[in-house]
Each structure stands twice: as structure tokens, then as C-alpha cells.
Amino acid sequence: MVTSDCLFCRIVKGDLPATVVHETATTLAFRDIGPKAPVHVLVIPKEHHADVAALAAADSGLAGEVLAAAAAVAEEEGLTGGGFRVIFNTGEHGGQEVFHVHAHVLGGRALGPMVSA
């Protein structure tokens, strides 16, 4: 289901612009508008799920497709040699800002520690 008030659902519908770098029948990957690394791509399922826990509970196959798309993005962006990071922020304490599940694919330089105090 796509919701009309969700930012990422609006991108999926084509109502808002995005720089798409990878697309499958079920996923969409596009550049983050506020990149935190030289490569910062968001990978989302086209179907709305609030967060990664909700997605995993509802459709583990689609969760796998999101991960496969993240790996494809890393390959296409040339990140597999030096390494990359895939992050799912979940909930307020996890730093989630848009409540449509999305993976951040980050790379292009050494990323440092996973969490800073």
C-alpha cells in the first residue's frame, strides 16, 4: 500500500523528484538529499512499511529484496572493493526521520566508528 502523506510514497508515485540510481519491480534507490558520505543512497520498498521491524514481520521476502537492492547499489556505485555500510534507522531513538522503511547505503571513504557518543 502507498500512502498519500508519506514522503517516500510520493517519490514512488512520481509526485516528488528524486535522483534514482537503481530500480526493481519492488524497490527504488535514490540519492539522499543531505548526503553524509560521498555515496549516500536510500533504498526503499515501493510498498509502504513504517520501519524495518514492520517490514520483516509483514513480508520477509520483500525485506530480502531491499537488502539485495542495497547490495546492487553498492556494486553499481563501486563500493564493494573498499567497503560500505548499510544502516536501517528504526524509531525515534534510532534516528528515523521518515517513517517509510529505508536502508542507507553509505561509502566512498572510511566511515569511522558506527556510533559516536
Protein backbone atom coordinates (compact mmCIF):
# COMPACT_ATOMS: atom_id res chain seq x y z
CA MET A 1 0.00 0.00 0.00
CA VAL A 2 1.22 3.52 -0.84
CA THR A 3 0.10 6.35 1.46
CA SER A 4 -0.58 9.86 0.20
CA ASP A 5 1.07 11.68 3.12
CA CYS A 6 4.35 9.71 3.11
CA LEU A 7 7.33 11.48 1.53
CA PHE A 8 8.82 8.28 0.11
CA CYS A 9 5.46 7.01 -1.17
CA ARG A 10 5.14 10.30 -3.05
CA ILE A 11 8.57 9.68 -4.60
CA VAL A 12 7.49 6.16 -5.62
CA LYS A 13 4.35 7.61 -7.26
CA GLY A 14 6.42 10.19 -9.13
CA ASP A 15 4.81 13.14 -7.33
CA LEU A 16 8.20 14.28 -5.98
CA PRO A 17 11.54 14.26 -7.81
CA ALA A 18 14.44 12.02 -6.85
CA THR A 19 17.72 11.04 -8.45
CA VAL A 20 17.05 7.34 -8.99
CA VAL A 21 20.13 5.12 -9.24
CA HIS A 22 18.52 1.65 -9.13
CA GLU A 23 15.01 0.29 -9.51
CA THR A 24 13.35 -3.10 -9.47
CA ALA A 25 9.69 -4.08 -9.59
CA THR A 26 9.54 -3.83 -5.78
CA THR A 27 12.32 -1.42 -4.74
CA LEU A 28 13.58 2.05 -5.51
CA ALA A 29 17.02 3.50 -4.73
CA PHE A 30 17.79 7.21 -4.92
CA ARG A 31 20.43 9.67 -3.73
CA ASP A 32 19.94 11.21 -0.29
CA ILE A 33 19.40 14.99 -0.50
CA GLY A 34 21.62 15.53 2.57
CA PRO A 35 24.47 13.06 1.99
CA LYS A 36 26.63 12.02 4.95
CA ALA A 37 29.28 10.36 2.74
CA PRO A 38 30.48 10.68 -0.88
CA VAL A 39 27.96 7.96 -1.74
CA HIS A 40 24.68 8.08 0.21
CA VAL A 41 21.79 6.26 -1.39
CA LEU A 42 18.44 5.38 0.16
CA VAL A 43 16.88 2.03 -0.75
CA ILE A 44 13.16 1.61 -0.10
CA PRO A 45 10.46 -0.92 -0.85
CA LYS A 46 7.83 0.62 -3.12
CA GLU A 47 5.21 -0.72 -0.73
CA HIS A 48 4.78 1.29 2.48
CA HIS A 49 6.04 -0.23 5.73
CA ALA A 50 6.83 2.07 8.66
CA ASP A 51 10.19 0.56 9.63
CA VAL A 52 12.43 -2.47 9.18
CA ALA A 53 10.74 -4.39 12.00
CA ALA A 54 7.32 -3.88 10.43
CA LEU A 55 8.66 -4.90 7.02
CA ALA A 56 10.30 -8.06 8.37
CA ALA A 57 7.11 -9.05 10.18
CA ALA A 58 4.87 -8.38 7.18
CA ASP A 59 6.99 -9.64 4.27
CA SER A 60 10.37 -11.24 4.85
CA GLY A 61 10.76 -11.81 1.10
CA LEU A 62 10.43 -8.09 0.40
CA ALA A 63 12.91 -7.38 3.22
CA GLY A 64 15.36 -9.62 1.38
CA GLU A 65 14.69 -7.76 -1.86
CA VAL A 66 15.55 -4.46 -0.14
CA LEU A 67 18.86 -5.96 1.04
CA ALA A 68 19.56 -7.34 -2.44
CA ALA A 69 18.89 -3.89 -3.91
CA ALA A 70 21.26 -2.32 -1.34
CA ALA A 71 23.98 -4.77 -2.39
CA ALA A 72 23.31 -3.99 -6.07
CA VAL A 73 23.61 -0.26 -5.36
CA ALA A 74 26.93 -0.80 -3.57
CA GLU A 75 28.22 -2.75 -6.57
CA GLU A 76 26.95 -0.19 -9.10
CA GLU A 77 28.45 2.69 -7.09
CA GLY A 78 31.86 0.99 -6.91
CA LEU A 79 31.82 0.48 -3.15
CA THR A 80 32.46 -3.25 -2.85
CA GLY A 81 36.27 -3.03 -3.02
CA GLY A 82 36.76 -0.53 -0.21
CA GLY A 83 33.68 -1.41 1.78
CA PHE A 84 30.40 0.24 2.60
CA ARG A 85 27.77 0.46 5.31
CA VAL A 86 24.04 -0.35 5.22
CA ILE A 87 22.00 1.25 8.01
CA PHE A 88 18.32 0.98 8.94
CA ASN A 89 17.35 3.68 11.44
CA THR A 90 14.27 2.48 13.32
CA GLY A 91 12.10 4.60 15.57
CA GLU A 92 12.74 7.91 17.27
CA HIS A 93 15.68 6.70 19.37
CA GLY A 94 17.21 5.05 16.31
CA GLY A 95 17.20 8.35 14.44
CA GLN A 96 14.45 7.52 11.94
CA GLU A 97 13.12 10.71 10.35
CA VAL A 98 10.88 9.37 7.56
CA PHE A 99 8.60 6.58 8.69
CA HIS A 100 8.79 4.53 5.50
CA VAL A 101 11.44 1.84 5.91
CA HIS A 102 14.67 2.74 4.15
CA ALA A 103 18.22 1.49 4.08
CA HIS A 104 21.07 3.97 3.88
CA VAL A 105 23.91 2.74 1.66
CA LEU A 106 26.99 4.77 2.60
CA GLY A 107 30.53 4.65 1.26
CA GLY A 108 33.21 6.27 -0.80
CA ARG A 109 35.54 6.96 2.15
CA ALA A 110 36.44 5.49 5.54
CA LEU A 111 33.30 5.93 7.65
CA GLY A 112 34.77 5.79 11.14
CA PRO A 113 33.04 4.37 14.21
CA MET A 114 29.47 3.14 13.91
CA VAL A 115 28.16 5.19 16.83
CA SER A 116 29.63 8.31 18.35
CA ALA A 117 28.88 9.16 21.95
